[in-house]
């Protein structure tokens, strides 16, 4: 099963993940900061947050830093990632860690904020993504928000070629082209199932999200999301 392949890969790479990701993901810190900046609550608010596919806890740590009274749930399929997230968030007492596949999640409570970073593109099909987006919407409190920082597809093949070329050029600043072509692009092709950003924006609107927007974008990487209004 492909998701088992993904899990095994992340278990193996967990310790090197933080170093690798800044080499492979264009303007990673800027992308994550754009997500954090978009969370519309006051910094002292006692908000409930869930991070789907938390990885080593980078986004959750940023949430905890900005919202010290937040109650945070970190969920990831890889236990090594969960262990690293526990270390990063060891001084944030209101944090729960769950080792589970977000594709199978059954929410047991409602949240003010749902975030994810470089994770949801692992969902196999468009239908799987829409199903999860619907679950997220249904389990947001009124005025709750969902923001996703992820890899996406262009709206046509010509633009997708441009996206991939620019991504390779960025990676090549720190990584050899041989490693890019023989390791990282095959990993992307074997494990990732990104969807067109234009499609995903429409799905969110159809599900009921309002103020759907693209907050940050660099070719095939972007931050997007929306709001569940007060009367929904």
Foldseek 3Di string as FASTA:
>chain_A
DLVVVVQVVLLVCQVVVVVVCPLQPPPVVVQLVLVLVPQPDQQADAFEEEEAQCFLPPSVLVNCVSRVNYQYEYEHQHVSSQVNNCVSCVVRVNYHYYNDHLLPDDDPAAGQEYEYEAPLQQQDDPVSSLVSLLNNLVRYAAFGKYKYKHFAAAPDDVLRVVLVVVSLVSSVVPDPSCCCVVPVVVCCVSRGRHYHPVVVLVSNVVSPFPPWDWRDDDRGITMTIGTRHNVD
